[in-house]
Amino acid sequence: MQKLVEDVVLTDGPGVATRYAQQSNEYDGIVVVGGDGTILEVIAGMQRERQRLATIPTGRGNCLARDLGIKTVADGLHVLRNGNDTAIDLMQANISFGDGSRADYLSASTIALGYAVTVVERASSVRAAGKHGYALATLLTPPKSFSCHLSIADSAAGDRTCTGVVINNTVSLANFQAFKDARLQDGLADVLILSVGWLRQMLHNLSLLTGFGFYEAGKRSQTRSISIALTSPQTLMVDGQLLPNVIALSVECIPEALWCRQYIE
């Protein structure tokens, strides 16, 4: 029987997956058994020009895996033997913090401010709900406003009061199909800007939870790049990782930046 995996390593803390990926030069690819946060760390350390990424979804959201047709652990194992390789876009996020420091991230799925971040924080406190934690958290989380200066490519820049900004590379946002027009290979990021109260946010959530799409609360667009300057520091989410004290960020879609294994029948 063909051997599919050469070595297995376990991660036990933040940054460990990146370090292992940096030490993987002798391998043609990396299999991530985890969720979007682990994928984020692996992408930061792997040789994207040469190595392939495969995923076996065991996280709570598994956004990238879903878009690659990998919905279960069994799907992930099937892909290792029978999948094909496809080049997907990534989002390059350049982030500035309140203390003057900077950081760069390559995101495969979601970058967010405001409401979505609070939902992720609350979902962490209801881990007993398992994969239903995000759905429960959306029903328990009221939106809060923040001010920013927002610039989207090919659109006029301006000051905004928002309750949330989501920049997505995938159809999925956590467990929900929130960006049905998103494509992993279209060279564009999908943006949702929310400025709503509790009732409209709950209607939007229920629209996604039920899958009926009967209510849209925010303004959507597709873009190659977006920049946001914040009036006061906010917590930013990048593929499930929470980064506090962010005062500005710019995001650019990088076409065909990562080779992944994709599910085929």
C-alpha atoms as a PDB file:
ATOM      1  CA  MET A   1       0.000   0.000   0.000  1.00  0.00           C
ATOM      2  CA  GLN A   2       1.284   3.469  -0.884  1.00  0.00           C
ATOM      3  CA  LYS A   3       2.588   5.443   2.069  1.00  0.00           C
ATOM      4  CA  LEU A   4       0.825   8.817   2.141  1.00  0.00           C
ATOM      5  CA  VAL A   5       2.460  10.504   5.153  1.00  0.00           C
ATOM      6  CA  GLU A   6       6.148  10.299   6.020  1.00  0.00           C
ATOM      7  CA  ASP A   7       6.273  11.907   9.488  1.00  0.00           C
ATOM      8  CA  VAL A   8       3.767  13.092  12.103  1.00  0.00           C
ATOM      9  CA  VAL A   9       4.368  15.993  14.506  1.00  0.00           C
ATOM     10  CA  LEU A  10       2.077  17.431  17.164  1.00  0.00           C
ATOM     11  CA  THR A  11       1.624  21.123  17.974  1.00  0.00           C
ATOM     12  CA  ASP A  12       1.208  22.225  21.584  1.00  0.00           C
ATOM     13  CA  GLY A  13       1.078  26.018  21.426  1.00  0.00           C
ATOM     14  CA  PRO A  14       0.987  29.162  19.262  1.00  0.00           C
ATOM     15  CA  GLY A  15       3.700  29.379  16.615  1.00  0.00           C
ATOM     16  CA  VAL A  16       4.694  25.719  16.803  1.00  0.00           C
ATOM     17  CA  ALA A  17       3.046  24.828  13.474  1.00  0.00           C
ATOM     18  CA  THR A  18       4.976  27.624  11.741  1.00  0.00           C
ATOM     19  CA  ARG A  19       8.248  26.333  13.155  1.00  0.00           C
ATOM     20  CA  TYR A  20       7.540  22.783  11.999  1.00  0.00           C
ATOM     21  CA  ALA A  21       6.577  24.061   8.538  1.00  0.00           C
ATOM     22  CA  GLN A  22       9.884  25.965   8.314  1.00  0.00           C
ATOM     23  CA  GLN A  23      11.689  22.696   9.064  1.00  0.00           C
ATOM     24  CA  SER A  24       9.837  20.740   6.354  1.00  0.00           C
ATOM     25  CA  ASN A  25      12.026  21.585   3.354  1.00  0.00           C
ATOM     26  CA  GLU A  26      12.696  17.925   2.522  1.00  0.00           C
ATOM     27  CA  TYR A  27       8.982  17.204   2.012  1.00  0.00           C
ATOM     28  CA  ASP A  28       6.782  17.865  -1.017  1.00  0.00           C
ATOM     29  CA  GLY A  29       3.788  18.844   1.072  1.00  0.00           C
ATOM     30  CA  ILE A  30       2.235  19.291   4.513  1.00  0.00           C
ATOM     31  CA  VAL A  31      -0.977  17.755   5.822  1.00  0.00           C
ATOM     32  CA  VAL A  32      -2.757  19.864   8.451  1.00  0.00           C
ATOM     33  CA  VAL A  33      -4.986  17.978  10.871  1.00  0.00           C
ATOM     34  CA  GLY A  34      -6.781  20.917  12.449  1.00  0.00           C
ATOM     35  CA  GLY A  35      -8.683  24.054  11.519  1.00  0.00           C
ATOM     36  CA  ASP A  36      -8.126  27.406   9.850  1.00  0.00           C
ATOM     37  CA  GLY A  37      -5.905  28.704  12.668  1.00  0.00           C
ATOM     38  CA  THR A  38      -3.437  25.854  12.237  1.00  0.00           C
ATOM     39  CA  ILE A  39      -3.495  26.346   8.466  1.00  0.00           C
ATOM     40  CA  LEU A  40      -2.673  30.037   9.020  1.00  0.00           C
ATOM     41  CA  GLU A  41       0.453  29.077  10.964  1.00  0.00           C
ATOM     42  CA  VAL A  42       1.556  26.422   8.480  1.00  0.00           C
ATOM     43  CA  ILE A  43       1.191  28.763   5.480  1.00  0.00           C
ATOM     44  CA  ALA A  44       3.476  31.255   7.253  1.00  0.00           C
ATOM     45  CA  GLY A  45       6.302  28.715   7.378  1.00  0.00           C
ATOM     46  CA  MET A  46       5.970  26.494   4.301  1.00  0.00           C
ATOM     47  CA  GLN A  47       7.571  26.920   0.881  1.00  0.00           C
ATOM     48  CA  ARG A  48       4.489  27.871  -1.086  1.00  0.00           C
ATOM     49  CA  GLU A  49       6.196  27.852  -4.477  1.00  0.00           C
ATOM     50  CA  ARG A  50       7.089  24.164  -4.137  1.00  0.00           C
ATOM     51  CA  GLN A  51       5.085  22.492  -1.379  1.00  0.00           C
ATOM     52  CA  ARG A  52       1.419  21.440  -1.444  1.00  0.00           C
ATOM     53  CA  LEU A  53      -1.028  21.805   1.443  1.00  0.00           C
ATOM     54  CA  ALA A  54      -3.606  19.164   2.341  1.00  0.00           C
ATOM     55  CA  THR A  55      -6.104  19.462   5.163  1.00  0.00           C
ATOM     56  CA  ILE A  56      -8.022  17.037   7.363  1.00  0.00           C
ATOM     57  CA  PRO A  57     -10.676  19.213   9.036  1.00  0.00           C
ATOM     58  CA  THR A  58     -10.920  18.906  12.808  1.00  0.00           C
ATOM     59  CA  GLY A  59     -11.440  22.586  13.735  1.00  0.00           C
ATOM     60  CA  ARG A  60     -14.675  24.425  14.492  1.00  0.00           C
ATOM     61  CA  GLY A  61     -14.959  26.414  11.273  1.00  0.00           C
ATOM     62  CA  ASN A  62     -12.845  24.618   8.628  1.00  0.00           C
ATOM     63  CA  CYS A  63     -13.577  27.342   6.059  1.00  0.00           C
ATOM     64  CA  LEU A  64     -10.784  26.514   3.623  1.00  0.00           C
ATOM     65  CA  ALA A  65     -11.447  22.776   3.816  1.00  0.00           C
ATOM     66  CA  ARG A  66     -15.137  23.309   3.030  1.00  0.00           C
ATOM     67  CA  ASP A  67     -14.315  25.338  -0.080  1.00  0.00           C
ATOM     68  CA  LEU A  68     -11.942  22.593  -1.206  1.00  0.00           C
ATOM     69  CA  GLY A  69     -14.790  20.088  -0.921  1.00  0.00           C
ATOM     70  CA  ILE A  70     -13.399  18.516   2.255  1.00  0.00           C
ATOM     71  CA  LYS A  71     -16.232  18.370   4.783  1.00  0.00           C
ATOM     72  CA  THR A  72     -15.208  15.412   6.941  1.00  0.00           C
ATOM     73  CA  VAL A  73     -12.117  13.611   8.171  1.00  0.00           C
ATOM     74  CA  ALA A  74     -12.956  10.836   5.698  1.00  0.00           C
ATOM     75  CA  ASP A  75     -12.955  13.401   2.875  1.00  0.00           C
ATOM     76  CA  GLY A  76      -9.546  14.611   3.977  1.00  0.00           C
ATOM     77  CA  LEU A  77      -8.114  11.093   3.925  1.00  0.00           C
ATOM     78  CA  HIS A  78      -9.675  10.497   0.509  1.00  0.00           C
ATOM     79  CA  VAL A  79      -8.029  13.652  -0.838  1.00  0.00           C
ATOM     80  CA  LEU A  80      -4.569  12.509   0.225  1.00  0.00           C
ATOM     81  CA  ARG A  81      -4.815   9.595  -2.194  1.00  0.00           C
ATOM     82  CA  ASN A  82      -7.270  10.755  -4.845  1.00  0.00           C
ATOM     83  CA  GLY A  83      -7.396  14.550  -4.780  1.00  0.00           C
ATOM     84  CA  ASN A  84      -5.933  16.887  -7.356  1.00  0.00           C
ATOM     85  CA  ASP A  85      -3.795  20.000  -6.926  1.00  0.00           C
ATOM     86  CA  THR A  86      -5.277  23.453  -7.352  1.00  0.00           C
ATOM     87  CA  ALA A  87      -3.746  26.918  -6.900  1.00  0.00           C
ATOM     88  CA  ILE A  88      -5.785  29.216  -4.652  1.00  0.00           C
ATOM     89  CA  ASP A  89      -5.656  32.886  -3.751  1.00  0.00           C
ATOM     90  CA  LEU A  90      -4.441  34.160  -0.395  1.00  0.00           C
ATOM     91  CA  MET A  91      -4.989  37.502   1.317  1.00  0.00           C
ATOM     92  CA  GLN A  92      -1.894  39.424   2.411  1.00  0.00           C
ATOM     93  CA  ALA A  93      -2.676  41.414   5.562  1.00  0.00           C
ATOM     94  CA  ASN A  94      -0.277  44.160   6.681  1.00  0.00           C
ATOM     95  CA  ILE A  95      -1.174  45.167  10.233  1.00  0.00           C
ATOM     96  CA  SER A  96      -0.158  48.118  12.424  1.00  0.00           C
ATOM     97  CA  PHE A  97      -0.551  48.033  16.215  1.00  0.00           C
ATOM     98  CA  GLY A  98      -1.044  50.760  18.785  1.00  0.00           C
ATOM     99  CA  ASP A  99       2.461  50.292  20.186  1.00  0.00           C
ATOM    100  CA  GLY A 100       4.063  51.065  16.818  1.00  0.00           C
ATOM    101  CA  SER A 101       4.822  47.462  15.862  1.00  0.00           C
ATOM    102  CA  ARG A 102       3.779  45.791  12.618  1.00  0.00           C
ATOM    103  CA  ALA A 103       3.019  42.265  11.454  1.00  0.00           C
ATOM    104  CA  ASP A 104       2.184  40.514   8.186  1.00  0.00           C
ATOM    105  CA  TYR A 105      -0.134  37.523   7.763  1.00  0.00           C
ATOM    106  CA  LEU A 106      -1.218  35.364   4.836  1.00  0.00           C
ATOM    107  CA  SER A 107      -4.864  34.453   5.281  1.00  0.00           C
ATOM    108  CA  ALA A 108      -6.655  31.677   3.411  1.00  0.00           C
ATOM    109  CA  SER A 109     -10.164  32.392   4.690  1.00  0.00           C
ATOM    110  CA  THR A 110     -11.263  35.304   6.925  1.00  0.00           C
ATOM    111  CA  ILE A 111     -10.055  38.673   8.225  1.00  0.00           C
ATOM    112  CA  ALA A 112     -12.544  40.547  10.409  1.00  0.00           C
ATOM    113  CA  LEU A 113     -13.191  43.451  12.764  1.00  0.00           C
ATOM    114  CA  GLY A 114     -16.097  44.112  15.104  1.00  0.00           C
ATOM    115  CA  TYR A 115     -19.069  41.787  15.342  1.00  0.00           C
ATOM    116  CA  ALA A 116     -17.452  38.631  13.928  1.00  0.00           C
ATOM    117  CA  VAL A 117     -14.531  39.026  16.336  1.00  0.00           C
ATOM    118  CA  THR A 118     -16.849  39.267  19.339  1.00  0.00           C
ATOM    119  CA  VAL A 119     -18.661  36.133  18.134  1.00  0.00           C
ATOM    120  CA  VAL A 120     -15.351  34.225  17.971  1.00  0.00           C
ATOM    121  CA  GLU A 121     -14.439  35.406  21.471  1.00  0.00           C
ATOM    122  CA  ARG A 122     -17.825  34.307  22.817  1.00  0.00           C
ATOM    123  CA  ALA A 123     -17.703  30.972  20.986  1.00  0.00           C
ATOM    124  CA  SER A 124     -14.479  30.220  22.854  1.00  0.00           C
ATOM    125  CA  SER A 125     -16.418  30.454  26.128  1.00  0.00           C
ATOM    126  CA  VAL A 126     -19.030  27.912  24.970  1.00  0.00           C
ATOM    127  CA  ARG A 127     -16.687  25.199  23.732  1.00  0.00           C
ATOM    128  CA  ALA A 128     -19.022  22.570  25.157  1.00  0.00           C
ATOM    129  CA  ALA A 129     -21.345  23.370  22.263  1.00  0.00           C
ATOM    130  CA  GLY A 130     -18.730  21.996  19.851  1.00  0.00           C
ATOM    131  CA  LYS A 131     -19.374  22.780  16.192  1.00  0.00           C
ATOM    132  CA  HIS A 132     -22.571  24.604  17.217  1.00  0.00           C
ATOM    133  CA  GLY A 133     -20.590  27.114  19.288  1.00  0.00           C
ATOM    134  CA  TYR A 134     -20.503  29.781  16.573  1.00  0.00           C
ATOM    135  CA  ALA A 135     -24.243  29.544  15.962  1.00  0.00           C
ATOM    136  CA  LEU A 136     -24.941  29.890  19.679  1.00  0.00           C
ATOM    137  CA  ALA A 137     -22.520  32.808  20.000  1.00  0.00           C
ATOM    138  CA  THR A 138     -24.194  34.760  17.177  1.00  0.00           C
ATOM    139  CA  LEU A 139     -27.480  34.662  19.077  1.00  0.00           C
ATOM    140  CA  LEU A 140     -25.832  35.915  22.280  1.00  0.00           C
ATOM    141  CA  THR A 141     -23.723  38.727  20.825  1.00  0.00           C
ATOM    142  CA  PRO A 142     -25.015  42.314  20.368  1.00  0.00           C
ATOM    143  CA  PRO A 143     -23.242  44.467  17.747  1.00  0.00           C
ATOM    144  CA  LYS A 144     -21.133  47.439  18.877  1.00  0.00           C
ATOM    145  CA  SER A 145     -20.079  50.402  16.754  1.00  0.00           C
ATOM    146  CA  PHE A 146     -16.552  51.568  15.916  1.00  0.00           C
ATOM    147  CA  SER A 147     -15.255  54.324  13.653  1.00  0.00           C
ATOM    148  CA  CYS A 148     -12.753  53.948  10.836  1.00  0.00           C
ATOM    149  CA  HIS A 149     -11.499  55.392   7.572  1.00  0.00           C
ATOM    150  CA  LEU A 150     -12.056  52.791   4.888  1.00  0.00           C
ATOM    151  CA  SER A 151     -10.637  52.638   1.367  1.00  0.00           C
ATOM    152  CA  ILE A 152     -11.606  49.958  -1.134  1.00  0.00           C
ATOM    153  CA  ALA A 153      -9.874  49.733  -4.526  1.00  0.00           C
ATOM    154  CA  ASP A 154     -11.866  51.410  -7.310  1.00  0.00           C
ATOM    155  CA  SER A 155     -14.210  53.011  -4.739  1.00  0.00           C
ATOM    156  CA  ALA A 156     -14.210  56.323  -2.924  1.00  0.00           C
ATOM    157  CA  ALA A 157     -12.533  56.327   0.494  1.00  0.00           C
ATOM    158  CA  GLY A 158     -14.393  57.710   3.466  1.00  0.00           C
ATOM    159  CA  ASP A 159     -15.049  57.750   7.175  1.00  0.00           C
ATOM    160  CA  ARG A 160     -17.438  55.062   8.402  1.00  0.00           C
ATOM    161  CA  THR A 161     -19.203  54.024  11.566  1.00  0.00           C
ATOM    162  CA  CYS A 162     -19.433  50.230  11.415  1.00  0.00           C
ATOM    163  CA  THR A 163     -20.450  47.321  13.591  1.00  0.00           C
ATOM    164  CA  GLY A 164     -18.404  44.871  11.569  1.00  0.00           C
ATOM    165  CA  VAL A 165     -16.097  44.416   8.595  1.00  0.00           C
ATOM    166  CA  VAL A 166     -15.459  40.961   7.145  1.00  0.00           C
ATOM    167  CA  ILE A 167     -12.939  40.324   4.371  1.00  0.00           C
ATOM    168  CA  ASN A 168     -13.293  36.788   3.047  1.00  0.00           C
ATOM    169  CA  ASN A 169     -11.500  34.524   0.612  1.00  0.00           C
ATOM    170  CA  THR A 170     -13.923  31.622   1.062  1.00  0.00           C
ATOM    171  CA  VAL A 171     -17.643  30.991   0.758  1.00  0.00           C
ATOM    172  CA  SER A 172     -17.697  29.927   4.400  1.00  0.00           C
ATOM    173  CA  LEU A 173     -17.540  32.222   7.398  1.00  0.00           C
ATOM    174  CA  ALA A 174     -17.156  29.899  10.390  1.00  0.00           C
ATOM    175  CA  ASN A 175     -19.958  27.326   9.919  1.00  0.00           C
ATOM    176  CA  PHE A 176     -22.062  29.488   7.602  1.00  0.00           C
ATOM    177  CA  GLN A 177     -22.157  29.991   3.849  1.00  0.00           C
ATOM    178  CA  ALA A 178     -21.952  33.763   4.111  1.00  0.00           C
ATOM    179  CA  PHE A 179     -20.240  34.621   0.794  1.00  0.00           C
ATOM    180  CA  LYS A 180     -21.843  32.502  -1.892  1.00  0.00           C
ATOM    181  CA  ASP A 181     -20.159  34.488  -4.694  1.00  0.00           C
ATOM    182  CA  ALA A 182     -16.670  33.963  -3.267  1.00  0.00           C
ATOM    183  CA  ARG A 183     -14.194  31.861  -5.245  1.00  0.00           C
ATOM    184  CA  LEU A 184     -10.769  30.653  -4.188  1.00  0.00           C
ATOM    185  CA  GLN A 185      -9.341  31.415  -7.631  1.00  0.00           C
ATOM    186  CA  ASP A 186     -10.969  34.699  -8.702  1.00  0.00           C
ATOM    187  CA  GLY A 187      -8.215  37.099  -7.598  1.00  0.00           C
ATOM    188  CA  LEU A 188     -10.682  39.037  -5.428  1.00  0.00           C
ATOM    189  CA  ALA A 189     -11.529  39.348  -1.750  1.00  0.00           C
ATOM    190  CA  ASP A 190     -15.204  39.499  -0.761  1.00  0.00           C
ATOM    191  CA  VAL A 191     -16.035  42.317   1.665  1.00  0.00           C
ATOM    192  CA  LEU A 192     -19.067  42.716   3.938  1.00  0.00           C
ATOM    193  CA  ILE A 193     -19.519  45.995   5.837  1.00  0.00           C
ATOM    194  CA  LEU A 194     -22.098  46.003   8.630  1.00  0.00           C
ATOM    195  CA  SER A 195     -23.605  49.011  10.371  1.00  0.00           C
ATOM    196  CA  VAL A 196     -26.686  47.626  12.072  1.00  0.00           C
ATOM    197  CA  GLY A 197     -28.424  47.262  15.406  1.00  0.00           C
ATOM    198  CA  TRP A 198     -29.285  44.073  17.265  1.00  0.00           C
ATOM    199  CA  LEU A 199     -32.546  43.277  15.442  1.00  0.00           C
ATOM    200  CA  ARG A 200     -31.145  43.614  11.921  1.00  0.00           C
ATOM    201  CA  GLN A 201     -28.033  41.663  12.913  1.00  0.00           C
ATOM    202  CA  MET A 202     -30.188  38.828  14.301  1.00  0.00           C
ATOM    203  CA  LEU A 203     -32.237  38.744  11.096  1.00  0.00           C
ATOM    204  CA  HIS A 204     -28.999  38.564   9.111  1.00  0.00           C
ATOM    205  CA  ASN A 205     -27.742  35.732  11.344  1.00  0.00           C
ATOM    206  CA  LEU A 206     -30.970  33.753  11.021  1.00  0.00           C
ATOM    207  CA  SER A 207     -30.855  34.233   7.262  1.00  0.00           C
ATOM    208  CA  LEU A 208     -27.431  32.557   7.222  1.00  0.00           C
ATOM    209  CA  LEU A 209     -28.243  29.908   9.827  1.00  0.00           C
ATOM    210  CA  THR A 210     -31.320  28.709   7.959  1.00  0.00           C
ATOM    211  CA  GLY A 211     -29.621  28.921   4.569  1.00  0.00           C
ATOM    212  CA  PHE A 212     -32.610  30.732   3.051  1.00  0.00           C
ATOM    213  CA  GLY A 213     -30.819  34.056   2.473  1.00  0.00           C
ATOM    214  CA  PHE A 214     -33.979  36.065   3.132  1.00  0.00           C
ATOM    215  CA  TYR A 215     -32.236  39.119   4.655  1.00  0.00           C
ATOM    216  CA  GLU A 216     -29.002  40.970   3.923  1.00  0.00           C
ATOM    217  CA  ALA A 217     -27.912  43.461   6.574  1.00  0.00           C
ATOM    218  CA  GLY A 218     -24.701  44.839   5.118  1.00  0.00           C
ATOM    219  CA  LYS A 219     -23.063  46.214   2.011  1.00  0.00           C
ATOM    220  CA  ARG A 220     -21.080  43.726  -0.077  1.00  0.00           C
ATOM    221  CA  SER A 221     -18.341  44.226  -2.627  1.00  0.00           C
ATOM    222  CA  GLN A 222     -15.474  42.380  -4.265  1.00  0.00           C
ATOM    223  CA  THR A 223     -12.051  43.966  -4.445  1.00  0.00           C
ATOM    224  CA  ARG A 224      -8.365  43.390  -5.027  1.00  0.00           C
ATOM    225  CA  SER A 225      -7.413  45.475  -1.982  1.00  0.00           C
ATOM    226  CA  ILE A 226      -8.812  47.292   1.031  1.00  0.00           C
ATOM    227  CA  SER A 227      -7.303  49.567   3.702  1.00  0.00           C
ATOM    228  CA  ILE A 228      -8.751  50.434   7.105  1.00  0.00           C
ATOM    229  CA  ALA A 229      -7.510  53.041   9.611  1.00  0.00           C
ATOM    230  CA  LEU A 230      -9.195  52.806  13.006  1.00  0.00           C
ATOM    231  CA  THR A 231     -10.074  55.730  15.257  1.00  0.00           C
ATOM    232  CA  SER A 232      -9.393  53.595  18.331  1.00  0.00           C
ATOM    233  CA  PRO A 233      -7.567  50.243  18.674  1.00  0.00           C
ATOM    234  CA  GLN A 234      -9.619  47.134  17.918  1.00  0.00           C
ATOM    235  CA  THR A 235      -9.113  43.387  18.045  1.00  0.00           C
ATOM    236  CA  LEU A 236      -8.578  41.888  14.594  1.00  0.00           C
ATOM    237  CA  MET A 237      -9.315  38.276  13.691  1.00  0.00           C
ATOM    238  CA  VAL A 238      -7.215  36.486  11.092  1.00  0.00           C
ATOM    239  CA  ASP A 239      -8.401  32.914  10.427  1.00  0.00           C
ATOM    240  CA  GLY A 240      -9.508  32.469  14.025  1.00  0.00           C
ATOM    241  CA  GLN A 241      -6.416  34.086  15.569  1.00  0.00           C
ATOM    242  CA  LEU A 242      -7.213  37.201  17.625  1.00  0.00           C
ATOM    243  CA  LEU A 243      -4.820  40.158  17.457  1.00  0.00           C
ATOM    244  CA  PRO A 244      -5.544  42.984  19.953  1.00  0.00           C
ATOM    245  CA  ASN A 245      -4.590  46.671  19.771  1.00  0.00           C
ATOM    246  CA  VAL A 246      -4.772  46.969  15.968  1.00  0.00           C
ATOM    247  CA  ILE A 247      -4.988  50.536  14.635  1.00  0.00           C
ATOM    248  CA  ALA A 248      -4.678  49.957  10.868  1.00  0.00           C
ATOM    249  CA  LEU A 249      -4.525  47.253   8.255  1.00  0.00           C
ATOM    250  CA  SER A 250      -4.302  46.816   4.512  1.00  0.00           C
ATOM    251  CA  VAL A 251      -5.355  43.642   2.729  1.00  0.00           C
ATOM    252  CA  GLU A 252      -4.414  42.599  -0.804  1.00  0.00           C
ATOM    253  CA  CYS A 253      -5.565  39.509  -2.652  1.00  0.00           C
ATOM    254  CA  ILE A 254      -2.615  37.482  -3.984  1.00  0.00           C
ATOM    255  CA  PRO A 255      -3.774  35.294  -6.906  1.00  0.00           C
ATOM    256  CA  GLU A 256      -2.764  31.616  -7.074  1.00  0.00           C
ATOM    257  CA  ALA A 257      -0.493  31.941  -4.045  1.00  0.00           C
ATOM    258  CA  LEU A 258      -0.895  28.443  -2.545  1.00  0.00           C
ATOM    259  CA  TRP A 259      -1.194  24.949  -3.987  1.00  0.00           C
ATOM    260  CA  CYS A 260      -3.772  22.791  -2.184  1.00  0.00           C
ATOM    261  CA  ARG A 261      -5.162  19.312  -2.500  1.00  0.00           C
ATOM    262  CA  GLN A 262      -8.812  19.480  -3.580  1.00  0.00           C
ATOM    263  CA  TYR A 263     -11.576  16.882  -3.298  1.00  0.00           C
ATOM    264  CA  ILE A 264     -12.641  15.096  -6.484  1.00  0.00           C
ATOM    265  CA  GLU A 265     -15.144  12.272  -6.819  1.00  0.00           C
END
